[in-house]
Protein backbone atom coordinates (compact mmCIF):
# COMPACT_ATOMS: atom_id res chain seq x y z
CA MET A 1 -12.31 -12.84 8.90
CA ASP A 2 -10.58 -15.11 11.21
CA ILE A 3 -6.99 -13.79 11.71
CA ALA A 4 -5.72 -17.14 12.37
CA ARG A 5 -5.83 -18.06 8.84
CA ILE A 6 -2.81 -16.05 8.42
CA SER A 7 0.92 -16.08 10.02
CA ARG A 8 4.17 -15.50 9.35
CA GLU A 9 4.73 -19.06 7.73
CA ASP A 10 2.00 -17.59 5.22
CA VAL A 11 4.43 -14.59 4.15
CA LEU A 12 7.37 -17.04 4.02
CA ASP A 13 5.44 -19.07 1.40
CA ALA A 14 4.28 -16.08 -0.35
CA ALA A 15 8.21 -15.08 -0.67
CA ARG A 16 8.88 -18.45 -1.98
CA ARG A 17 5.93 -18.37 -4.53
CA ILE A 18 6.36 -15.08 -6.14
CA ALA A 19 10.17 -14.98 -6.14
CA GLY A 20 11.32 -13.95 -9.48
CA GLN A 21 8.00 -12.27 -10.18
CA VAL A 22 8.96 -9.19 -8.33
CA GLU A 23 11.99 -6.89 -7.68
CA CYS A 24 14.03 -7.11 -4.02
CA THR A 25 13.79 -3.21 -3.79
CA PRO A 26 16.86 -1.26 -2.58
CA LEU A 27 17.11 -0.38 1.45
CA VAL A 28 19.07 2.63 1.59
CA GLU A 29 20.49 4.90 4.70
CA SER A 30 19.07 8.37 5.30
CA GLU A 31 19.27 10.81 8.39
CA VAL A 32 16.24 12.72 10.02
CA GLY A 33 16.30 14.59 12.96
CA GLY A 34 20.23 13.73 13.53
CA MET A 35 19.19 10.07 13.44
CA ARG A 36 20.11 7.29 11.12
CA VAL A 37 16.96 5.79 9.12
CA TRP A 38 16.52 3.48 6.31
CA LEU A 39 14.09 4.02 3.36
CA LYS A 40 12.47 0.84 1.96
CA LEU A 41 12.07 1.86 -1.94
CA GLU A 42 8.86 0.24 -2.95
CA CYS A 43 8.81 3.48 -5.11
CA LEU A 44 11.11 1.28 -7.42
CA GLN A 45 9.01 -1.80 -7.65
CA THR A 46 7.79 -2.91 -10.90
CA GLY A 47 4.60 -0.99 -11.65
CA GLY A 48 5.61 1.80 -9.16
CA ALA A 49 4.38 0.17 -5.82
CA PHE A 50 4.56 -2.79 -3.64
CA LYS A 51 1.06 -4.14 -4.86
CA LEU A 52 2.50 -6.44 -7.25
CA ARG A 53 3.42 -8.53 -4.41
CA GLY A 54 -0.09 -9.19 -3.25
CA ALA A 55 -1.61 -9.27 -6.51
CA THR A 56 0.94 -11.79 -7.74
CA ASN A 57 0.72 -14.00 -4.53
CA ARG A 58 -3.21 -14.07 -4.96
CA LEU A 59 -3.40 -14.97 -8.71
CA LEU A 60 -0.62 -17.56 -8.68
CA GLN A 61 -3.56 -19.39 -6.36
CA LEU A 62 -6.36 -19.31 -8.75
CA SER A 63 -7.36 -22.68 -10.12
CA PRO A 64 -7.27 -23.13 -13.89
CA GLN A 65 -11.01 -22.47 -14.01
CA GLU A 66 -10.87 -19.13 -11.94
CA GLN A 67 -7.89 -18.16 -14.31
CA GLU A 68 -10.19 -18.71 -17.28
CA ARG A 69 -13.33 -16.79 -15.85
CA GLY A 70 -10.54 -13.71 -15.03
CA VAL A 71 -10.57 -11.46 -12.24
CA VAL A 72 -12.10 -8.09 -10.98
CA ALA A 73 -10.22 -5.45 -8.64
CA PHE A 74 -10.96 -2.33 -7.10
CA SER A 75 -8.51 0.30 -6.70
CA SER A 76 -7.22 4.15 -6.93
CA GLY A 77 -4.36 2.96 -9.10
CA ASN A 78 -1.26 0.94 -7.65
CA HIS A 79 -3.37 -2.39 -6.65
CA ALA A 80 -5.05 -1.34 -10.01
CA ARG A 81 -1.86 -1.60 -11.89
CA GLY A 82 -0.38 -4.62 -9.82
CA VAL A 83 -3.37 -6.61 -10.40
CA ALA A 84 -3.25 -5.92 -14.08
CA ILE A 85 0.68 -6.88 -14.31
CA ALA A 86 0.08 -10.09 -12.47
CA ALA A 87 -3.01 -10.92 -14.82
CA ARG A 88 -0.95 -9.98 -18.23
CA ARG A 89 1.73 -12.11 -17.26
CA LEU A 90 -0.36 -15.02 -16.65
CA GLY A 91 -2.77 -14.44 -19.57
CA ILE A 92 -5.82 -13.66 -17.42
CA ARG A 93 -8.37 -11.00 -18.09
CA ALA A 94 -8.55 -8.31 -15.33
CA VAL A 95 -11.52 -5.70 -15.17
CA ILE A 96 -10.52 -3.04 -12.85
CA VAL A 97 -12.88 -0.47 -10.71
CA MET A 98 -11.22 2.93 -10.39
CA PRO A 99 -12.49 6.10 -9.11
CA ALA A 100 -12.96 8.73 -11.71
CA ASP A 101 -10.69 10.96 -9.80
CA ALA A 102 -7.81 8.69 -10.07
CA PRO A 103 -4.52 10.27 -11.32
CA LYS A 104 -3.87 9.99 -14.99
CA VAL A 105 -0.61 8.39 -14.72
CA LYS A 106 -2.23 5.66 -12.95
CA VAL A 107 -5.37 5.29 -15.03
CA ASP A 108 -2.70 5.02 -17.92
CA GLY A 109 -0.07 2.68 -16.27
CA THR A 110 -3.25 0.30 -15.65
CA ARG A 111 -4.70 0.50 -19.10
CA ALA A 112 -1.22 -0.04 -20.70
CA GLU A 113 -0.86 -3.50 -18.94
CA GLY A 114 -4.34 -4.44 -21.06
CA ALA A 115 -6.77 -4.26 -18.11
CA GLU A 116 -10.53 -2.82 -18.59
CA ILE A 117 -11.32 -0.04 -16.36
CA VAL A 118 -14.90 0.78 -15.07
CA PHE A 119 -14.82 4.27 -13.50
CA TYR A 120 -16.86 5.23 -10.19
CA ASP A 121 -17.30 8.20 -7.90
CA ARG A 122 -15.30 7.42 -4.90
CA ARG A 123 -18.01 9.88 -3.08
CA THR A 124 -21.44 8.37 -3.95
CA GLU A 125 -20.78 5.09 -5.25
CA SER A 126 -19.25 1.73 -3.86
CA ARG A 127 -16.74 0.37 -5.25
CA GLU A 128 -16.97 -2.90 -3.49
CA GLU A 129 -20.71 -3.17 -4.82
CA ILE A 130 -19.76 -2.49 -8.38
CA ALA A 131 -16.78 -5.19 -8.21
CA ALA A 132 -19.39 -7.66 -6.69
CA LYS A 133 -22.13 -7.06 -9.85
CA ILE A 134 -19.37 -7.56 -12.27
CA ALA A 135 -17.97 -10.83 -10.50
CA GLY A 136 -21.51 -12.15 -10.54
CA GLU A 137 -22.10 -11.25 -14.00
CA SER A 138 -18.82 -12.79 -15.48
CA GLY A 139 -17.99 -15.17 -12.91
CA ALA A 140 -14.58 -13.50 -12.30
CA THR A 141 -12.75 -13.73 -8.92
CA VAL A 142 -12.59 -10.52 -6.83
CA VAL A 143 -9.06 -9.68 -5.94
CA PRO A 144 -9.34 -7.02 -2.75
CA SER A 145 -6.60 -4.67 -2.26
CA PHE A 146 -6.04 -5.69 1.35
CA ASP A 147 -8.92 -7.51 2.74
CA ASP A 148 -7.69 -11.07 1.73
CA PRO A 149 -5.03 -13.46 3.55
CA ALA A 150 -2.95 -13.91 0.20
CA ILE A 151 -2.79 -10.09 -0.53
CA VAL A 152 -1.40 -9.60 3.21
CA ALA A 153 1.13 -12.37 2.99
CA GLY A 154 2.42 -11.00 -0.35
CA GLN A 155 2.71 -7.47 0.82
CA GLY A 156 4.66 -8.63 4.14
CA THR A 157 7.50 -9.93 1.79
CA VAL A 158 8.73 -6.45 2.00
CA GLY A 159 9.17 -7.27 5.86
CA LEU A 160 11.43 -10.06 4.97
CA GLU A 161 13.43 -8.38 2.69
CA ILE A 162 14.18 -5.32 5.21
CA ILE A 163 15.32 -7.98 8.01
CA GLU A 164 17.64 -9.53 4.88
CA GLN A 165 18.94 -6.60 4.11
CA LEU A 166 19.69 -4.88 7.35
CA GLY A 167 20.97 -8.30 8.51
CA ARG A 168 19.14 -7.93 11.86
CA LEU A 169 15.46 -6.99 12.96
CA PRO A 170 14.80 -3.17 12.96
CA ALA A 171 13.85 -1.27 15.93
CA ARG A 172 10.74 0.31 14.23
CA ILE A 173 9.14 0.11 10.75
CA VAL A 174 7.11 3.10 9.73
CA ILE A 175 4.21 2.35 7.25
CA PRO A 176 1.75 4.26 4.99
CA CYS A 177 -1.61 3.03 5.64
CA GLY A 178 -4.59 2.79 3.69
CA GLY A 179 -6.50 -0.27 4.26
CA GLY A 180 -3.69 -1.64 6.08
CA GLY A 181 -2.47 -4.75 3.92
CA LEU A 182 1.14 -3.64 3.58
CA ALA A 183 1.31 -2.82 7.49
CA SER A 184 -0.24 -6.03 8.65
CA GLY A 185 1.83 -8.14 6.25
CA ILE A 186 4.94 -6.11 7.53
CA ALA A 187 3.71 -6.88 11.13
CA LEU A 188 3.40 -10.61 10.53
CA ALA A 189 6.73 -10.55 8.96
CA VAL A 190 8.90 -8.82 11.64
CA PRO A 191 7.19 -9.59 14.92
CA ASP A 192 9.45 -7.97 17.07
CA ALA A 193 9.49 -4.46 15.69
CA GLU A 194 7.73 -1.61 16.79
CA VAL A 195 5.14 -0.78 13.93
CA VAL A 196 3.84 2.44 13.43
CA VAL A 197 1.30 3.23 10.46
CA VAL A 198 0.57 6.59 9.03
CA GLU A 199 -2.29 7.90 7.37
CA PRO A 200 -3.81 11.45 6.02
CA GLU A 201 -5.44 13.58 8.26
CA GLY A 202 -9.16 13.16 8.23
CA TRP A 203 -8.62 9.75 6.83
CA ASP A 204 -7.18 8.04 9.94
CA ASP A 205 -9.66 5.49 10.18
CA MET A 206 -6.91 2.67 11.02
CA ALA A 207 -5.90 5.03 14.12
CA ARG A 208 -9.11 5.53 15.32
CA SER A 209 -10.15 1.81 14.99
CA LEU A 210 -7.10 0.59 16.80
CA GLU A 211 -7.84 3.14 19.53
CA ILE A 212 -11.47 1.61 20.25
CA GLY A 213 -10.77 -1.84 18.90
CA GLU A 214 -13.48 -2.06 16.18
CA ILE A 215 -13.78 -0.69 12.63
CA VAL A 216 -14.69 2.94 12.40
CA PRO A 217 -15.11 4.26 8.59
CA VAL A 218 -13.89 7.44 7.45
CA GLY A 219 -16.35 9.95 7.65
CA ALA A 220 -18.57 11.54 4.91
CA ASP A 221 -17.31 14.73 5.53
CA ALA A 222 -13.74 13.92 5.19
CA PRO A 223 -11.39 16.38 3.49
CA ASP A 224 -9.74 16.54 0.45
CA THR A 225 -6.28 14.97 -0.15
CA PHE A 226 -3.56 14.36 -2.78
CA CYS A 227 -2.67 11.06 -0.70
CA ASP A 228 -4.83 9.35 -3.36
CA ALA A 229 -3.33 5.93 -2.88
CA ILE A 230 -4.75 5.81 1.07
CA MET A 231 -7.99 7.39 0.79
CA THR A 232 -9.47 3.95 1.95
CA PRO A 233 -12.79 4.64 3.30
CA ARG A 234 -12.93 1.46 5.71
CA VAL A 235 -10.42 -0.90 7.06
CA SER A 236 -11.06 -4.84 7.37
CA GLN A 237 -11.33 -6.85 10.25
CA LEU A 238 -8.48 -8.89 9.19
CA THR A 239 -5.90 -5.57 8.70
CA LEU A 240 -7.25 -4.56 11.91
CA GLY A 241 -7.07 -7.58 13.84
CA ILE A 242 -3.32 -8.11 12.93
CA LEU A 243 -2.34 -4.56 13.80
CA ARG A 244 -4.18 -4.57 17.00
CA ASP A 245 -2.48 -7.85 18.27
CA ARG A 246 0.70 -6.37 17.27
CA ALA A 247 -0.12 -3.10 19.33
CA ALA A 248 0.63 -0.96 16.31
CA LYS A 249 1.14 2.62 16.67
CA ALA A 250 -0.79 5.37 14.33
CA THR A 251 -0.48 9.08 13.18
CA SER A 252 -1.50 11.30 10.68
CA VAL A 253 0.01 14.00 8.48
CA SER A 254 -1.25 16.79 6.63
CA ASP A 255 -0.67 17.46 2.87
CA ASP A 256 1.87 20.29 3.70
CA GLU A 257 3.86 18.03 5.58
CA VAL A 258 3.77 15.32 2.95
CA ALA A 259 4.86 17.93 0.43
CA ASP A 260 7.58 18.60 2.54
CA ALA A 261 8.54 14.68 2.47
CA ILE A 262 8.10 14.36 -1.10
CA ARG A 263 10.74 17.29 -1.52
CA PHE A 264 12.84 15.74 0.94
CA ALA A 265 12.98 12.20 -0.92
CA TRP A 266 13.86 13.95 -4.19
CA SER A 267 16.48 16.61 -2.72
CA ARG A 268 18.20 13.83 -0.65
CA HIS A 269 17.94 10.98 -2.60
CA GLN A 270 16.53 12.02 -6.23
CA LEU A 271 13.65 9.84 -5.40
CA VAL A 272 10.22 10.29 -6.83
CA VAL A 273 7.65 9.19 -4.18
CA GLU A 274 3.86 9.79 -4.70
CA PRO A 275 1.91 11.29 -1.55
CA GLY A 276 0.48 8.62 -0.23
CA ALA A 277 3.80 6.71 -0.27
CA SER A 278 5.38 9.84 1.46
CA VAL A 279 3.39 9.92 4.92
CA GLY A 280 5.86 7.62 6.61
CA LEU A 281 8.89 9.92 5.81
CA ALA A 282 6.42 13.07 6.50
CA ALA A 283 5.37 11.63 9.95
CA LEU A 284 9.04 11.62 10.77
CA LEU A 285 9.93 14.97 9.36
CA ALA A 286 7.13 16.63 11.20
CA ASP A 287 8.17 15.15 14.60
CA LYS A 288 5.04 13.41 14.72
CA ILE A 289 6.93 10.30 15.79
CA GLU A 290 9.75 10.54 18.03
CA PRO A 291 13.29 9.85 16.20
CA LYS A 292 14.57 6.38 17.07
CA ASP A 293 17.70 4.95 15.60
CA ASP A 294 17.41 1.83 13.27
CA THR A 295 14.02 3.16 12.16
CA VAL A 296 12.79 1.86 8.77
CA VAL A 297 10.33 3.85 6.56
CA VAL A 298 8.70 2.36 3.80
CA LEU A 299 8.31 4.53 0.57
CA SER A 300 5.88 2.57 -0.68
CA GLY A 301 5.23 3.95 -4.28
CA GLY A 302 6.21 6.47 -6.90
CA ASN A 303 3.43 6.80 -9.28
CA ILE A 304 2.85 10.81 -9.09
CA ASP A 305 1.84 12.91 -12.21
CA PRO A 306 5.03 14.50 -13.22
CA ALA A 307 3.61 17.76 -13.25
CA LEU A 308 2.49 17.63 -9.86
CA HIS A 309 5.86 16.52 -8.85
CA ALA A 310 7.51 19.48 -10.58
CA ARG A 311 4.92 21.85 -8.78
CA ILE A 312 5.79 20.48 -5.46
CA ILE A 313 9.42 20.51 -5.77
CA ALA A 314 9.21 24.03 -7.06
CA GLU A 315 7.77 25.16 -4.26
CA ALA A 316 10.91 24.76 -2.32
CA ALA A 317 12.53 27.17 -4.27
């Protein structure tokens, strides 16, 4: 995919298009390692994650004929719910391909928006192939979670809000990364800030892809992680190209480090943040990233099973 197809102007267009359809989420001050940092709270977005931004931008550009035929998406949960919400609002039928081990809170949330769910085994089946088969049989439009210019542009509106809320360009933005849609969108929106993407250990395919300049899929022996939202087996040329051109940096964190970040968000700010959305904060807390004043950390979602969150918080006692 030609990355020249998307620019900062597309992000600005997306912001105008989705205005009134998504929340302008808070930017709050915190402190890590004696340095002031800012937390962008996409965990408080409608649907519990940033994904509604890209989904809304994409679905609003469907033709009437495409709307009538419906959409199909594949996701572990947050993109699923974002597409389901956007589709419900527009009266569009949505089918979502979800892993069988997706958290119940995400399955229930997606189903509550009226979407039909088709489950698959993320270790042995291809979600892309399943979605393509459904689209081929029904004529539905496939709405990818990150490999789509309209999705990337919509996610980039997070970056525009950060600039407006700070009243200046931040020095650095630390962003959770699965397929890279959020990170690449923000990289376009905030062209002069340092961009750091963070992934779970063993699922750091964006880091390895950036290092050699071409896509490196996650290995078949990748370890289990509770960061389900960013267990993406392969990034895209679109997102890799944008982040490579922006000289993005990358690091990874362990589940234990993520749990520390979840506890920090709760104890310091009473925020419920899911594991995959906590990796950027985890990297700062674990000294995987050198502290820098005027750093913004995106907390990208809050859809965590309540029992799991309670267990993680209790471990600090």
